[in-house]
Protein backbone atom coordinates (compact mmCIF):
# COMPACT_ATOMS: atom_id res chain seq x y z
CA MET A 1 154.83 138.55 -9.16
CA THR A 2 152.83 141.74 -8.71
CA SER A 3 149.91 141.91 -6.34
CA ARG A 4 147.52 142.24 -9.30
CA ARG A 5 148.81 138.93 -10.84
CA LEU A 6 148.63 137.28 -7.40
CA VAL A 7 144.99 138.30 -7.03
CA ARG A 8 144.19 136.90 -10.49
CA ALA A 9 146.01 133.65 -9.73
CA LEU A 10 144.32 133.12 -6.34
CA PRO A 11 141.10 131.54 -7.67
CA ALA A 12 143.10 129.00 -9.69
CA ALA A 13 145.26 128.15 -6.67
CA VAL A 14 142.17 127.63 -4.47
CA ALA A 15 140.62 125.43 -7.13
CA ALA A 16 143.80 123.32 -7.21
CA VAL A 17 143.85 122.95 -3.49
CA PHE A 18 140.18 121.78 -3.48
CA ALA A 19 140.86 119.32 -6.31
CA LEU A 20 143.75 117.77 -4.37
CA ALA A 21 141.63 117.55 -1.27
CA GLY A 22 138.87 115.69 -3.13
CA GLY A 23 136.41 118.57 -3.10
CA GLN A 24 134.88 120.49 -5.98
CA ALA A 25 135.82 124.04 -6.77
CA VAL A 26 134.36 126.29 -9.44
CA ALA A 27 136.34 129.17 -10.68
CA ALA A 28 134.86 132.63 -9.96
CA PRO A 29 134.43 135.15 -12.70
CA ALA A 30 137.35 137.63 -12.85
CA SER A 31 135.21 140.50 -11.63
CA ALA A 32 134.22 138.45 -8.50
CA ALA A 33 137.73 137.41 -7.73
CA THR A 34 138.41 140.59 -5.75
CA ALA A 35 134.93 141.00 -4.22
CA PRO A 36 134.34 139.36 -0.81
CA THR A 37 131.60 136.75 -0.85
CA ALA A 38 129.73 134.93 1.91
CA ALA A 39 130.20 131.20 1.82
CA ALA A 40 127.06 129.06 2.03
CA ALA A 41 126.64 127.16 5.27
CA ARG A 42 127.23 123.44 5.21
CA VAL A 43 123.99 121.64 5.95
CA VAL A 44 124.10 118.71 8.34
CA THR A 45 120.82 116.78 8.11
CA TYR A 46 119.48 114.91 11.12
CA ASP A 47 116.96 112.19 11.59
CA ALA A 48 115.17 112.34 14.95
CA GLY A 49 112.82 109.47 14.07
CA GLY A 50 114.31 107.23 16.84
CA ALA A 51 114.55 110.03 19.43
CA ALA A 52 111.19 108.97 20.98
CA GLU A 53 110.19 111.37 23.76
CA PHE A 54 113.25 113.58 23.06
CA LYS A 55 112.25 114.77 19.57
CA ASP A 56 111.30 118.19 20.84
CA ALA A 57 114.60 118.57 22.73
CA VAL A 58 116.54 117.56 19.54
CA THR A 59 114.65 120.24 17.56
CA LYS A 60 115.45 122.81 20.23
CA GLY A 61 119.17 121.71 20.38
CA ALA A 62 119.47 122.06 16.55
CA ALA A 63 117.91 125.54 16.82
CA VAL A 64 120.49 126.53 19.40
CA TRP A 65 123.33 125.65 16.98
CA ASN A 66 121.61 127.23 14.06
CA GLN A 67 121.32 130.48 15.96
CA SER A 68 124.89 130.31 17.26
CA VAL A 69 126.96 129.53 14.14
CA LYS A 70 126.93 130.46 10.43
CA ASN A 71 129.23 127.91 8.71
CA VAL A 72 126.98 124.95 9.46
CA GLN A 73 123.28 124.52 9.85
CA LEU A 74 121.42 121.50 11.24
CA LYS A 75 118.24 120.63 9.33
CA PRO A 76 115.77 117.78 9.55
CA VAL A 77 116.32 115.19 6.81
CA ALA A 78 113.85 115.17 3.94
CA SER A 79 111.60 112.16 3.59
CA GLY A 80 113.33 109.35 1.75
CA GLN A 81 116.78 110.84 2.16
CA ARG A 82 119.67 109.60 4.24
CA ALA A 83 120.69 111.81 7.21
CA ASN A 84 124.18 112.79 8.20
CA LEU A 85 123.17 112.48 11.84
CA ARG A 86 120.87 109.91 13.44
CA ILE A 87 119.42 110.37 16.95
CA VAL A 88 118.05 107.42 18.92
CA ALA A 89 116.81 107.17 22.45
CA ASP A 90 118.10 104.40 24.76
CA ASN A 91 118.32 103.67 28.46
CA GLY A 92 122.06 104.28 28.79
CA TRP A 93 124.05 107.50 29.33
CA PRO A 94 123.96 110.11 26.44
CA ARG A 95 126.76 109.69 23.96
CA ALA A 96 127.82 110.57 20.43
CA GLN A 97 129.55 108.37 17.95
CA VAL A 98 131.16 110.61 15.36
CA THR A 99 132.00 109.03 12.03
CA ALA A 100 133.19 112.32 10.42
CA LEU A 101 132.87 116.02 11.09
CA GLY A 102 129.08 116.63 10.80
CA SER A 103 128.00 112.98 10.81
CA GLY A 104 127.38 110.12 13.20
CA THR A 105 124.87 108.89 15.79
CA ILE A 106 123.63 110.43 19.00
CA TYR A 107 122.37 108.04 21.63
CA PHE A 108 119.99 110.13 23.79
CA GLY A 109 120.32 108.18 26.99
CA ARG A 110 117.55 108.27 29.52
CA GLN A 111 119.90 107.69 32.43
CA ALA A 112 120.99 111.38 32.49
CA VAL A 113 117.44 112.54 32.10
CA ASN A 114 116.36 110.30 35.00
CA GLU A 115 119.12 111.85 37.10
CA GLY A 116 117.69 115.33 36.40
CA HIS A 117 119.81 116.70 33.51
CA ASN A 118 118.15 119.11 31.09
CA THR A 119 117.09 117.50 27.80
CA VAL A 120 117.81 120.50 25.61
CA ARG A 121 121.31 120.85 27.09
CA ILE A 122 121.90 117.15 26.43
CA ALA A 123 120.79 117.47 22.79
CA SER A 124 122.84 120.64 22.17
CA HIS A 125 125.88 119.08 23.96
CA GLU A 126 125.77 115.86 21.96
CA MET A 127 125.32 117.83 18.73
CA GLY A 128 128.42 119.75 19.74
CA HIS A 129 130.35 116.49 19.51
CA ILE A 130 128.99 115.84 16.02
CA LEU A 131 130.14 119.37 15.12
CA GLY A 132 133.65 118.56 16.33
CA LEU A 133 133.77 119.62 19.98
CA PRO A 134 135.32 117.44 22.71
CA ASP A 135 134.17 117.27 26.34
CA VAL A 136 135.54 119.96 28.69
CA LYS A 137 135.50 118.34 32.12
CA PRO A 138 135.24 119.44 34.77
CA GLY A 139 133.76 122.64 33.47
CA PRO A 140 131.48 125.46 34.39
CA CYS A 141 127.80 125.74 33.39
CA SER A 142 128.81 128.45 30.96
CA SER A 143 130.60 125.84 28.88
CA LEU A 144 128.15 123.67 26.95
CA MET A 145 130.77 121.03 26.52
CA SER A 146 131.20 120.65 30.20
CA GLY A 147 128.21 118.37 30.03
CA ALA A 148 127.13 116.57 33.17
CA SER A 149 130.09 117.93 35.17
CA ALA A 150 128.22 121.25 35.47
CA GLY A 151 125.55 119.45 37.52
CA THR A 152 121.85 118.89 37.15
CA SER A 153 121.03 122.51 38.05
CA CYS A 154 122.76 123.66 34.89
CA THR A 155 120.25 124.24 32.03
CA ASN A 156 122.50 126.23 29.71
CA ALA A 157 122.09 124.76 26.22
CA ASN A 158 124.18 127.45 24.45
CA PRO A 159 127.76 127.18 23.35
CA ASN A 160 130.16 129.80 24.71
CA ALA A 161 132.13 132.08 22.33
CA ALA A 162 135.10 129.73 22.23
CA GLU A 163 132.91 126.75 21.42
CA LYS A 164 131.13 128.69 18.62
CA ALA A 165 134.49 129.79 17.19
CA GLU A 166 135.81 126.22 17.19
CA VAL A 167 132.80 124.92 15.27
CA GLU A 168 133.02 127.89 12.81
CA ASP A 169 136.68 127.18 12.20
CA ALA A 170 136.18 123.43 11.80
CA PHE A 171 133.51 123.88 9.17
CA ALA A 172 135.39 126.66 7.37
CA LEU A 173 138.30 124.26 6.95
CA LEU A 174 136.24 121.12 6.31
CA GLU A 175 137.82 118.72 3.88
CA ALA A 176 136.01 115.85 2.19
CA SER A 177 138.46 113.09 3.33
CA GLY A 178 140.50 111.90 6.18
CA ALA A 179 137.83 111.71 8.86
CA THR A 180 138.15 109.07 11.61
CA ALA A 181 135.47 107.58 13.77
CA VAL A 182 135.35 108.73 17.42
CA THR A 183 132.97 107.91 20.24
CA TYR A 184 132.32 110.43 23.07
CA LYS A 185 130.79 108.85 26.13
CA ASP A 186 129.57 111.52 28.49
C-alpha cells in the first residue's frame, strides 16, 4: 500500500477503533485528513456544593489543573446537571474515590487542614487522583502527588512536568469503557 493510500485509509481505521471501543467517531473530510487538528479538551464537571468552607480551595485547585493541562478541563457543573466529580467536606482525612478516569468523589477532610496542610494543595492533589494520578510517597514538595508526605510547610499546588504529562496522556487515550473503581486514602 502506498503512503497516499495509507493516509486516505487512516480516518476509516481510527473510526473503526473508536467504534470497537464504544466511542463515537466521525470521519473527517478528505482534505482535512492530512491537516493536523487540535483535539477538544474533555470536560470534567464538578459539584462543590458539599465542599462547605473549602469551595474557594476547590475552585483554585480546578484552576491549577486547567492552567496545567490541555486534554482535560475541570468546570463547575451547570444547574440541574449531574457532575462527573462531587466534592464533599467531612471530618476525616482527605481522600478520593475514583469511579472512572475523570469521575468520582473527593472527601475534603478537615483533619489535614486542622494539622496545617494547605487547602488549595489538598484540592489540587485530590483532583489529581480523579485525573488518574496515584500517590507518590514519600515525595518532595515539588511533586503534587507527594501529598501530606511533603509536610505542612509545603504549599505547592501545581503538578510537576511528569504529573502533567501523565494526565495529558491518560486523557489522550481515554476510552469509554473498562474503568474500575479505586479509592485513594491520603
